[in-house]
């Protein structure tokens, strides 16, 4: 039982980390406007497409809250397991590298 609590707390911690990393990438320092337009192509998505992350974070936050309820124990602990933690950590690393590379190249 204590192991399950540890896993649930880990889910909350990595979710908050991912949320803060995403917020930083949106409101953090950005390249100059002229420089950011250099990498635009015909298939580059519009700036507003990044707002889909708002929906993703609401859904992930719903999972983080839902995991603490009794009906979710089987699905959250035995179904999802540590995959949530691993995927959120990898997504945070990807987001950080993407932000770092875009600031260096453009």
N, C-alpha and C. Protein backbone atom coordinates (compact mmCIF):
# COMPACT_ATOMS: atom_id res chain seq x y z
N UNK A 1 0.81 -1.20 0.00
CA UNK A 1 0.00 0.00 0.00
C UNK A 1 0.86 1.26 0.00
N UNK A 2 1.94 1.26 0.74
CA UNK A 2 2.82 2.43 0.78
C UNK A 2 3.47 2.65 -0.58
N UNK A 3 3.72 1.55 -1.31
CA UNK A 3 4.29 1.67 -2.65
C UNK A 3 3.32 2.37 -3.59
N UNK A 4 2.03 2.09 -3.44
CA UNK A 4 1.02 2.72 -4.28
C UNK A 4 0.92 4.22 -4.00
N UNK A 5 1.05 4.59 -2.76
CA UNK A 5 1.04 6.02 -2.40
C UNK A 5 2.25 6.71 -3.03
N UNK A 6 3.40 6.05 -2.98
CA UNK A 6 4.61 6.61 -3.57
C UNK A 6 4.42 6.82 -5.08
N UNK A 7 3.80 5.87 -5.74
CA UNK A 7 3.56 6.00 -7.17
C UNK A 7 2.59 7.14 -7.47
N UNK A 8 1.56 7.29 -6.67
CA UNK A 8 0.60 8.37 -6.87
C UNK A 8 1.24 9.73 -6.63
N UNK A 9 2.07 9.83 -5.61
CA UNK A 9 2.78 11.09 -5.34
C UNK A 9 3.76 11.39 -6.48
N UNK A 10 4.42 10.36 -7.00
CA UNK A 10 5.32 10.56 -8.14
C UNK A 10 4.55 11.07 -9.35
N UNK A 11 3.34 10.56 -9.56
CA UNK A 11 2.51 11.05 -10.66
C UNK A 11 2.20 12.54 -10.49
N UNK A 12 1.87 12.94 -9.28
CA UNK A 12 1.57 14.35 -9.02
C UNK A 12 2.80 15.22 -9.23
N UNK A 13 3.95 14.78 -8.75
CA UNK A 13 5.18 15.56 -8.86
C UNK A 13 5.59 15.74 -10.31
N UNK A 14 5.58 14.66 -11.11
CA UNK A 14 6.00 14.80 -12.50
C UNK A 14 4.97 15.60 -13.30
N UNK A 15 3.69 15.51 -12.93
CA UNK A 15 2.68 16.34 -13.61
C UNK A 15 2.95 17.82 -13.35
N UNK A 16 3.21 18.18 -12.11
CA UNK A 16 3.50 19.57 -11.80
C UNK A 16 4.78 20.05 -12.48
N UNK A 17 5.77 19.17 -12.58
CA UNK A 17 7.01 19.50 -13.29
C UNK A 17 6.74 19.74 -14.77
N UNK A 18 5.95 18.86 -15.38
CA UNK A 18 5.62 19.00 -16.80
C UNK A 18 4.79 20.26 -17.05
N UNK A 19 3.87 20.54 -16.17
CA UNK A 19 3.06 21.74 -16.29
C UNK A 19 3.92 22.99 -16.21
N UNK A 20 4.85 23.01 -15.26
CA UNK A 20 5.72 24.18 -15.12
C UNK A 20 6.67 24.31 -16.31
N UNK A 21 7.15 23.20 -16.84
CA UNK A 21 8.03 23.25 -18.02
C UNK A 21 7.28 23.78 -19.23
N UNK A 22 6.04 23.39 -19.39
CA UNK A 22 5.25 23.88 -20.51
C UNK A 22 4.94 25.37 -20.35
N UNK A 23 4.59 25.78 -19.16
CA UNK A 23 4.31 27.20 -18.93
C UNK A 23 5.56 28.02 -19.18
N UNK A 24 6.71 27.53 -18.75
CA UNK A 24 7.96 28.26 -18.99
C UNK A 24 8.26 28.36 -20.48
N UNK A 25 7.98 27.30 -21.23
CA UNK A 25 8.27 27.35 -22.66
C UNK A 25 7.36 28.33 -23.39
N UNK A 26 6.18 28.58 -22.83
CA UNK A 26 5.25 29.51 -23.46
C UNK A 26 5.55 30.95 -23.04
N UNK A 27 5.75 31.19 -21.75
CA UNK A 27 5.93 32.56 -21.26
C UNK A 27 7.38 32.92 -21.01
N UNK A 28 8.28 31.98 -21.17
CA UNK A 28 9.69 32.24 -20.93
C UNK A 28 10.30 33.08 -22.04
N UNK A 29 11.61 33.27 -21.96
CA UNK A 29 12.27 34.09 -22.98
C UNK A 29 12.13 33.46 -24.36
N UNK A 30 11.90 34.30 -25.35
CA UNK A 30 11.75 33.82 -26.71
C UNK A 30 12.68 34.60 -27.62
N UNK A 31 12.98 34.04 -28.78
CA UNK A 31 13.86 34.77 -29.71
C UNK A 31 13.16 36.01 -30.25
N UNK A 32 13.94 36.88 -30.85
CA UNK A 32 13.38 38.09 -31.45
C UNK A 32 12.37 37.72 -32.53
N UNK A 33 11.41 38.60 -32.77
CA UNK A 33 10.37 38.31 -33.76
C UNK A 33 10.94 38.06 -35.15
N UNK A 34 11.89 38.84 -35.56
CA UNK A 34 12.49 38.65 -36.88
C UNK A 34 13.20 37.33 -37.02
N UNK A 35 13.86 36.91 -35.95
CA UNK A 35 14.59 35.65 -35.98
C UNK A 35 13.65 34.46 -35.97
N UNK A 36 12.52 34.57 -35.29
CA UNK A 36 11.62 33.42 -35.20
C UNK A 36 10.89 33.18 -36.50
N UNK A 37 10.82 34.15 -37.40
CA UNK A 37 10.14 33.99 -38.68
C UNK A 37 11.01 33.30 -39.72
N UNK A 38 12.31 33.16 -39.47
CA UNK A 38 13.21 32.58 -40.45
C UNK A 38 12.93 31.10 -40.71
N UNK A 39 12.48 30.38 -39.72
CA UNK A 39 12.27 28.95 -39.88
C UNK A 39 10.88 28.58 -40.36
N UNK A 40 10.07 29.55 -40.78
CA UNK A 40 8.71 29.29 -41.22
C UNK A 40 8.71 28.67 -42.61
N UNK A 41 7.87 27.65 -42.78
CA UNK A 41 7.67 27.02 -44.08
C UNK A 41 6.17 26.93 -44.33
N UNK A 42 5.78 26.38 -45.46
CA UNK A 42 4.36 26.22 -45.75
C UNK A 42 3.69 25.18 -44.87
N UNK A 43 4.46 24.25 -44.33
CA UNK A 43 3.87 23.22 -43.47
C UNK A 43 4.09 23.48 -41.99
N UNK A 44 4.71 24.60 -41.65
CA UNK A 44 4.87 24.96 -40.24
C UNK A 44 3.50 25.32 -39.66
N UNK A 45 3.12 24.69 -38.55
CA UNK A 45 1.79 25.00 -38.00
C UNK A 45 1.73 26.42 -37.45
N UNK A 46 0.53 26.94 -37.35
CA UNK A 46 0.32 28.28 -36.80
C UNK A 46 0.69 28.30 -35.33
N UNK A 47 0.91 29.49 -34.81
CA UNK A 47 1.31 29.62 -33.41
C UNK A 47 0.23 29.11 -32.47
N UNK A 48 -1.04 29.23 -32.85
CA UNK A 48 -2.13 28.86 -31.96
C UNK A 48 -2.27 27.36 -31.78
N UNK A 49 -1.61 26.58 -32.60
CA UNK A 49 -1.71 25.12 -32.47
C UNK A 49 -1.11 24.65 -31.15
N UNK A 50 -0.20 25.45 -30.59
CA UNK A 50 0.40 25.07 -29.30
C UNK A 50 -0.60 25.15 -28.16
N UNK A 51 -1.75 25.78 -28.38
CA UNK A 51 -2.77 25.85 -27.33
C UNK A 51 -3.44 24.51 -27.08
N UNK A 52 -3.18 23.52 -27.91
CA UNK A 52 -3.72 22.18 -27.66
C UNK A 52 -3.14 21.62 -26.36
N UNK A 53 -1.98 22.14 -25.96
CA UNK A 53 -1.37 21.69 -24.71
C UNK A 53 -2.24 22.04 -23.51
N UNK A 54 -3.06 23.07 -23.64
CA UNK A 54 -3.98 23.41 -22.56
C UNK A 54 -4.95 22.26 -22.33
N UNK A 55 -5.52 21.73 -23.39
CA UNK A 55 -6.42 20.58 -23.28
C UNK A 55 -5.70 19.36 -22.74
N UNK A 56 -4.49 19.13 -23.23
CA UNK A 56 -3.71 17.98 -22.77
C UNK A 56 -3.44 18.08 -21.28
N UNK A 57 -3.09 19.26 -20.80
CA UNK A 57 -2.81 19.43 -19.37
C UNK A 57 -4.07 19.29 -18.52
N UNK A 58 -5.21 19.74 -19.02
CA UNK A 58 -6.45 19.51 -18.29
C UNK A 58 -6.75 18.02 -18.16
N UNK A 59 -6.54 17.28 -19.25
CA UNK A 59 -6.81 15.84 -19.21
C UNK A 59 -5.82 15.11 -18.30
N UNK A 60 -4.55 15.48 -18.37
CA UNK A 60 -3.56 14.87 -17.48
C UNK A 60 -3.83 15.24 -16.02
N UNK A 61 -4.24 16.47 -15.79
CA UNK A 61 -4.61 16.88 -14.43
C UNK A 61 -5.82 16.10 -13.93
N UNK A 62 -6.76 15.83 -14.82
CA UNK A 62 -7.90 14.99 -14.45
C UNK A 62 -7.47 13.59 -14.04
N UNK A 63 -6.50 13.04 -14.76
CA UNK A 63 -5.98 11.73 -14.38
C UNK A 63 -5.31 11.77 -13.02
N UNK A 64 -4.52 12.82 -12.79
CA UNK A 64 -3.80 12.93 -11.52
C UNK A 64 -4.78 13.04 -10.35
N UNK A 65 -5.88 13.74 -10.55
CA UNK A 65 -6.90 13.83 -9.50
C UNK A 65 -7.67 12.52 -9.38
N UNK A 66 -8.04 11.94 -10.52
CA UNK A 66 -8.83 10.70 -10.54
C UNK A 66 -8.11 9.52 -9.90
N UNK A 67 -6.79 9.50 -9.99
CA UNK A 67 -6.04 8.36 -9.45
C UNK A 67 -6.21 8.21 -7.94
N UNK A 68 -6.59 9.27 -7.24
CA UNK A 68 -6.75 9.21 -5.79
C UNK A 68 -8.10 8.64 -5.37
N UNK A 69 -9.01 8.40 -6.32
CA UNK A 69 -10.30 7.83 -5.96
C UNK A 69 -10.20 6.31 -5.93
N UNK A 70 -11.10 5.69 -5.20
CA UNK A 70 -11.07 4.23 -5.05
C UNK A 70 -11.34 3.48 -6.36
N UNK A 71 -12.30 3.90 -7.19
CA UNK A 71 -12.53 3.16 -8.44
C UNK A 71 -11.35 3.19 -9.41
N UNK A 72 -10.47 4.16 -9.26
CA UNK A 72 -9.36 4.31 -10.20
C UNK A 72 -8.13 3.52 -9.80
N UNK A 73 -8.15 2.88 -8.65
CA UNK A 73 -6.95 2.21 -8.16
C UNK A 73 -6.43 1.18 -9.16
N UNK A 74 -7.29 0.33 -9.64
CA UNK A 74 -6.86 -0.73 -10.56
C UNK A 74 -6.32 -0.15 -11.86
N UNK A 75 -7.02 0.83 -12.42
CA UNK A 75 -6.59 1.41 -13.69
C UNK A 75 -5.32 2.26 -13.55
N UNK A 76 -5.26 3.05 -12.50
CA UNK A 76 -4.12 3.97 -12.35
C UNK A 76 -2.85 3.27 -11.90
N UNK A 77 -2.98 2.37 -10.96
CA UNK A 77 -1.79 1.73 -10.39
C UNK A 77 -1.35 0.52 -11.21
N UNK A 78 -2.28 -0.35 -11.52
CA UNK A 78 -1.91 -1.58 -12.21
C UNK A 78 -2.01 -1.45 -13.73
N UNK A 79 -2.83 -0.53 -14.22
CA UNK A 79 -2.97 -0.35 -15.65
C UNK A 79 -1.92 0.59 -16.22
N UNK A 80 -1.94 1.82 -15.75
CA UNK A 80 -1.00 2.83 -16.24
C UNK A 80 0.38 2.61 -15.63
N UNK A 81 0.42 2.35 -14.35
CA UNK A 81 1.68 2.07 -13.67
C UNK A 81 2.66 3.23 -13.76
N UNK A 82 3.90 2.88 -14.01
CA UNK A 82 4.96 3.88 -14.09
C UNK A 82 5.08 4.48 -15.49
N UNK A 83 4.25 4.05 -16.41
CA UNK A 83 4.31 4.59 -17.77
C UNK A 83 4.01 6.08 -17.79
N UNK A 84 3.12 6.53 -16.93
CA UNK A 84 2.81 7.95 -16.87
C UNK A 84 4.04 8.75 -16.46
N UNK A 85 4.74 8.29 -15.45
CA UNK A 85 5.93 9.01 -14.97
C UNK A 85 6.99 9.06 -16.07
N UNK A 86 7.23 7.93 -16.70
CA UNK A 86 8.26 7.87 -17.74
C UNK A 86 7.89 8.76 -18.93
N UNK A 87 6.63 8.70 -19.36
CA UNK A 87 6.23 9.50 -20.53
C UNK A 87 6.27 11.00 -20.24
N UNK A 88 5.91 11.39 -19.04
CA UNK A 88 5.94 12.82 -18.70
C UNK A 88 7.38 13.31 -18.58
N UNK A 89 8.26 12.51 -18.00
CA UNK A 89 9.67 12.91 -17.91
C UNK A 89 10.27 13.03 -19.31
N UNK A 90 10.00 12.06 -20.18
CA UNK A 90 10.52 12.13 -21.55
C UNK A 90 9.93 13.31 -22.32
N UNK A 91 8.67 13.60 -22.12
CA UNK A 91 8.05 14.76 -22.77
C UNK A 91 8.67 16.07 -22.28
N UNK A 92 8.98 16.14 -21.00
CA UNK A 92 9.62 17.34 -20.46
C UNK A 92 11.02 17.52 -21.03
N UNK A 93 11.74 16.43 -21.16
CA UNK A 93 13.08 16.50 -21.75
C UNK A 93 12.98 16.95 -23.20
N UNK A 94 12.04 16.38 -23.94
CA UNK A 94 11.85 16.76 -25.34
C UNK A 94 11.49 18.24 -25.46
N UNK A 95 10.60 18.71 -24.60
CA UNK A 95 10.19 20.10 -24.63
C UNK A 95 11.37 21.02 -24.32
N UNK A 96 12.17 20.65 -23.34
CA UNK A 96 13.35 21.44 -23.00
C UNK A 96 14.36 21.48 -24.13
N UNK A 97 14.60 20.33 -24.75
CA UNK A 97 15.54 20.30 -25.88
C UNK A 97 15.00 21.08 -27.07
N UNK A 98 13.71 20.98 -27.32
CA UNK A 98 13.11 21.72 -28.42
C UNK A 98 13.25 23.22 -28.20
N UNK A 99 12.99 23.67 -27.01
CA UNK A 99 13.11 25.10 -26.69
C UNK A 99 14.57 25.55 -26.78
N UNK A 100 15.48 24.72 -26.29
CA UNK A 100 16.91 25.06 -26.31
C UNK A 100 17.43 25.11 -27.75
N UNK A 101 17.10 24.12 -28.56
CA UNK A 101 17.58 24.07 -29.94
C UNK A 101 16.98 25.20 -30.76
N UNK A 102 15.70 25.50 -30.57
CA UNK A 102 15.08 26.59 -31.32
C UNK A 102 15.70 27.93 -30.97
N UNK A 103 16.08 28.12 -29.71
CA UNK A 103 16.71 29.38 -29.34
C UNK A 103 18.13 29.48 -29.87
N UNK A 104 18.81 28.35 -30.04
CA UNK A 104 20.17 28.36 -30.55
C UNK A 104 20.21 28.51 -32.06
N UNK A 105 19.32 27.81 -32.76
CA UNK A 105 19.36 27.81 -34.23
C UNK A 105 18.77 29.08 -34.79
N UNK A 106 17.59 29.45 -34.30
CA UNK A 106 16.90 30.61 -34.88
C UNK A 106 17.32 31.83 -34.13
